[in-house]
């Protein structure tokens, strides 16, 4: 069993740089948010995963219905999020899950290998360069045959995030496919959830 009783927190100056505005609204978000939107999409993605396999949840927030469903299936989860408050709430809800308060751009978790990696509601909050960096890190940390699921609009666009008010950008489907293909991943499916959030489902192909 993966157990972590300590929460690693980045120094406050670094933490504020990488929380993307989420720490400021975390407590309110926890009190009003429901994570039903998108849960079915993640659960459908997880159908090919087997008990005992390991999934990294990048930008895990405080967990939700899909987190519980993965755990009930016997999937081992690791999570990272740059919000201290969200990570503390995650640990309260799922004490047997390894979670760290870390920015995806710098997380040591990407030095490991995972059977699946998912990221809901994070990629588009990052800058252009950081999106590419994090996607490359995800690709390198994925085992052969493993799957990557992340949400972002399929078109190139920018907007103000409704929750944080921060600028969000989508690099668009063509760029995401190009970046990940260079690391051996192919796009195998796309989906849009009930909240009109778009998802890309990639798989890492076996090396020749």
Protein backbone atom coordinates (compact mmCIF):
# COMPACT_ATOMS: atom_id res chain seq x y z
CA UNK A 1 0.00 0.00 0.00
CA UNK A 2 1.24 3.50 -0.81
CA UNK A 3 1.11 5.56 2.37
CA UNK A 4 2.34 9.07 2.98
CA UNK A 5 1.63 10.79 6.26
CA UNK A 6 3.61 13.95 5.56
CA UNK A 7 2.74 16.71 3.13
CA UNK A 8 5.71 18.37 1.47
CA UNK A 9 5.12 22.07 0.95
CA UNK A 10 7.26 24.34 -1.18
CA UNK A 11 8.58 27.56 0.37
CA UNK A 12 5.93 30.26 0.31
CA UNK A 13 7.67 32.39 -2.34
CA UNK A 14 7.91 29.46 -4.77
CA UNK A 15 4.47 28.24 -3.84
CA UNK A 16 2.87 31.59 -4.67
CA UNK A 17 4.62 31.63 -8.04
CA UNK A 18 3.26 28.24 -9.07
CA UNK A 19 -0.23 27.97 -7.60
CA UNK A 20 -1.76 29.77 -10.61
CA UNK A 21 -4.10 31.67 -8.28
CA UNK A 22 -5.64 28.55 -6.75
CA UNK A 23 -4.43 28.92 -3.18
CA UNK A 24 -6.24 32.24 -2.85
CA UNK A 25 -9.59 30.62 -3.67
CA UNK A 26 -8.94 27.06 -2.44
CA UNK A 27 -11.03 27.17 0.74
CA UNK A 28 -14.04 28.62 -1.05
CA UNK A 29 -13.60 26.18 -3.92
CA UNK A 30 -13.62 23.22 -1.54
CA UNK A 31 -16.86 24.44 0.06
CA UNK A 32 -18.81 24.85 -3.17
CA UNK A 33 -17.20 22.62 -5.79
CA UNK A 34 -18.55 19.36 -7.07
CA UNK A 35 -16.35 17.12 -9.18
CA UNK A 36 -19.12 15.19 -10.88
CA UNK A 37 -18.35 16.99 -14.16
CA UNK A 38 -15.71 14.98 -15.98
CA UNK A 39 -15.81 12.05 -13.56
CA UNK A 40 -17.42 9.75 -16.13
CA UNK A 41 -14.79 10.68 -18.72
CA UNK A 42 -11.95 9.78 -16.34
CA UNK A 43 -13.63 6.55 -15.28
CA UNK A 44 -14.12 5.55 -18.93
CA UNK A 45 -10.43 6.29 -19.58
CA UNK A 46 -9.47 4.10 -16.63
CA UNK A 47 -11.28 0.97 -17.92
CA UNK A 48 -8.06 -0.43 -19.39
CA UNK A 49 -6.19 -0.02 -16.11
CA UNK A 50 -5.71 -3.04 -13.88
CA UNK A 51 -5.64 -3.31 -10.07
CA UNK A 52 -2.18 -2.59 -8.76
CA UNK A 53 -1.23 -0.26 -11.60
CA UNK A 54 -0.12 3.26 -10.73
CA UNK A 55 -1.61 6.54 -11.96
CA UNK A 56 -0.19 10.04 -11.49
CA UNK A 57 -2.83 12.76 -11.12
CA UNK A 58 -1.22 16.08 -12.09
CA UNK A 59 -3.14 19.01 -10.62
CA UNK A 60 -5.14 16.64 -8.44
CA UNK A 61 -6.91 19.34 -6.42
CA UNK A 62 -8.67 17.86 -3.41
CA UNK A 63 -9.76 14.65 -5.12
CA UNK A 64 -13.27 13.72 -6.09
CA UNK A 65 -15.57 11.01 -7.44
CA UNK A 66 -13.11 9.74 -10.04
CA UNK A 67 -10.40 9.54 -7.34
CA UNK A 68 -12.60 7.34 -5.20
CA UNK A 69 -13.58 5.22 -8.20
CA UNK A 70 -9.93 4.61 -9.12
CA UNK A 71 -9.07 3.67 -5.54
CA UNK A 72 -12.05 1.30 -5.33
CA UNK A 73 -10.79 -0.36 -8.52
CA UNK A 74 -7.46 -1.07 -6.84
CA UNK A 75 -5.51 1.56 -8.76
CA UNK A 76 -2.65 3.13 -6.83
CA UNK A 77 -2.68 6.91 -7.15
CA UNK A 78 -0.02 9.56 -6.71
CA UNK A 79 -1.06 13.20 -6.85
CA UNK A 80 0.56 16.60 -7.12
CA UNK A 81 -0.95 20.05 -6.83
CA UNK A 82 0.60 23.45 -6.14
CA UNK A 83 -2.13 24.48 -3.68
CA UNK A 84 -1.30 23.67 -0.07
CA UNK A 85 -4.93 23.93 0.99
CA UNK A 86 -6.20 21.62 -1.75
CA UNK A 87 -3.49 19.06 -0.98
CA UNK A 88 -4.32 19.12 2.74
CA UNK A 89 -7.98 18.49 1.93
CA UNK A 90 -6.97 15.66 -0.44
CA UNK A 91 -4.92 14.05 2.33
CA UNK A 92 -7.87 14.33 4.72
CA UNK A 93 -10.16 12.60 2.23
CA UNK A 94 -7.71 9.97 0.96
CA UNK A 95 -5.05 9.44 3.65
CA UNK A 96 -3.52 6.38 1.97
CA UNK A 97 -2.66 8.22 -1.25
CA UNK A 98 0.78 9.76 -1.82
CA UNK A 99 0.24 13.45 -2.53
CA UNK A 100 2.74 16.29 -2.68
CA UNK A 101 2.37 20.05 -2.77
CA UNK A 102 4.49 20.68 -5.84
CA UNK A 103 4.30 22.56 -9.11
CA UNK A 104 4.08 20.23 -12.09
CA UNK A 105 6.92 22.07 -13.77
CA UNK A 106 9.37 20.95 -11.06
CA UNK A 107 7.89 17.79 -9.55
CA UNK A 108 10.35 14.93 -8.84
CA UNK A 109 7.46 12.52 -9.51
CA UNK A 110 8.36 12.71 -13.19
CA UNK A 111 11.51 10.78 -12.39
CA UNK A 112 9.31 7.70 -11.89
CA UNK A 113 7.27 5.63 -14.34
CA UNK A 114 3.49 5.33 -14.37
CA UNK A 115 0.90 3.14 -16.06
CA UNK A 116 -1.35 6.15 -16.55
CA UNK A 117 -1.14 9.92 -16.14
CA UNK A 118 -4.10 12.27 -16.01
CA UNK A 119 -4.44 16.01 -15.67
CA UNK A 120 -7.83 17.67 -15.44
CA UNK A 121 -8.05 21.47 -15.53
CA UNK A 122 -4.35 22.25 -15.31
CA UNK A 123 -2.49 22.28 -18.63
CA UNK A 124 -4.19 25.39 -20.00
CA UNK A 125 -3.34 27.36 -16.84
CA UNK A 126 0.36 27.11 -17.67
CA UNK A 127 2.35 29.30 -20.02
CA UNK A 128 3.09 28.15 -23.57
CA UNK A 129 6.58 26.95 -22.66
CA UNK A 130 5.50 25.32 -19.40
CA UNK A 131 2.71 23.42 -21.15
CA UNK A 132 5.24 21.91 -23.53
CA UNK A 133 7.65 21.19 -20.66
CA UNK A 134 5.02 19.44 -18.53
CA UNK A 135 3.67 17.42 -21.46
CA UNK A 136 7.20 16.27 -22.26
CA UNK A 137 7.73 15.27 -18.62
CA UNK A 138 4.43 13.36 -18.66
CA UNK A 139 5.42 11.54 -21.84
CA UNK A 140 8.81 10.54 -20.46
CA UNK A 141 7.26 9.29 -17.20
CA UNK A 142 4.71 7.09 -18.96
CA UNK A 143 5.41 3.39 -19.38
CA UNK A 144 5.16 1.84 -22.82
CA UNK A 145 1.51 1.15 -23.50
CA UNK A 146 0.48 3.64 -20.84
CA UNK A 147 -2.16 6.29 -21.41
CA UNK A 148 -2.22 10.04 -20.85
CA UNK A 149 -5.48 11.94 -20.41
CA UNK A 150 -5.57 15.73 -20.10
CA UNK A 151 -8.12 18.46 -20.63
CA UNK A 152 -7.72 21.53 -22.82
CA UNK A 153 -9.70 23.08 -25.66
CA UNK A 154 -8.95 21.55 -29.07
CA UNK A 155 -8.69 24.96 -30.72
CA UNK A 156 -5.98 27.61 -30.23
CA UNK A 157 -7.52 30.17 -27.88
CA UNK A 158 -7.10 32.18 -24.69
CA UNK A 159 -9.54 33.28 -22.01
CA UNK A 160 -9.79 34.34 -18.37
CA UNK A 161 -10.22 31.37 -16.07
CA UNK A 162 -13.63 31.57 -14.37
CA UNK A 163 -12.30 30.40 -11.01
CA UNK A 164 -9.03 32.32 -10.64
CA UNK A 165 -9.39 35.12 -13.17
CA UNK A 166 -5.94 34.19 -14.54
CA UNK A 167 -5.20 34.09 -18.24
CA UNK A 168 -5.55 30.60 -19.71
CA UNK A 169 -4.33 29.44 -23.10
CA UNK A 170 -4.81 26.40 -25.28
CA UNK A 171 -2.04 25.52 -27.70
CA UNK A 172 -4.56 23.61 -29.81
CA UNK A 173 -4.84 20.01 -30.94
CA UNK A 174 -2.19 20.23 -33.66
CA UNK A 175 0.47 21.47 -31.24
CA UNK A 176 -0.41 18.94 -28.53
CA UNK A 177 -0.24 16.08 -31.03
CA UNK A 178 3.06 17.34 -32.45
CA UNK A 179 4.73 17.66 -29.04
CA UNK A 180 3.64 14.25 -27.79
CA UNK A 181 4.30 12.38 -31.04
CA UNK A 182 7.97 13.31 -30.67
CA UNK A 183 7.95 11.32 -27.44
CA UNK A 184 6.26 8.24 -28.84
CA UNK A 185 2.63 9.04 -27.99
CA UNK A 186 -0.28 8.87 -30.40
CA UNK A 187 -3.73 10.39 -30.04
CA UNK A 188 -6.21 7.54 -29.73
CA UNK A 189 -9.38 9.35 -28.65
CA UNK A 190 -10.99 12.66 -27.73
CA UNK A 191 -13.98 13.41 -25.56
CA UNK A 192 -16.03 16.34 -24.29
CA UNK A 193 -17.70 16.10 -20.90
CA UNK A 194 -21.03 17.45 -19.72
CA UNK A 195 -19.37 20.75 -18.81
CA UNK A 196 -18.05 21.11 -22.39
CA UNK A 197 -14.47 20.47 -21.27
CA UNK A 198 -12.41 18.80 -23.99
CA UNK A 199 -10.08 15.85 -23.31
CA UNK A 200 -7.20 14.32 -25.24
CA UNK A 201 -6.41 10.63 -24.72
CA UNK A 202 -2.89 9.62 -25.81
CA UNK A 203 -1.11 6.27 -25.61
CA UNK A 204 2.62 5.61 -25.51
CA UNK A 205 3.59 3.14 -28.17
CA UNK A 206 6.05 0.30 -27.67
CA UNK A 207 9.58 1.06 -28.75
CA UNK A 208 10.65 -0.64 -31.95
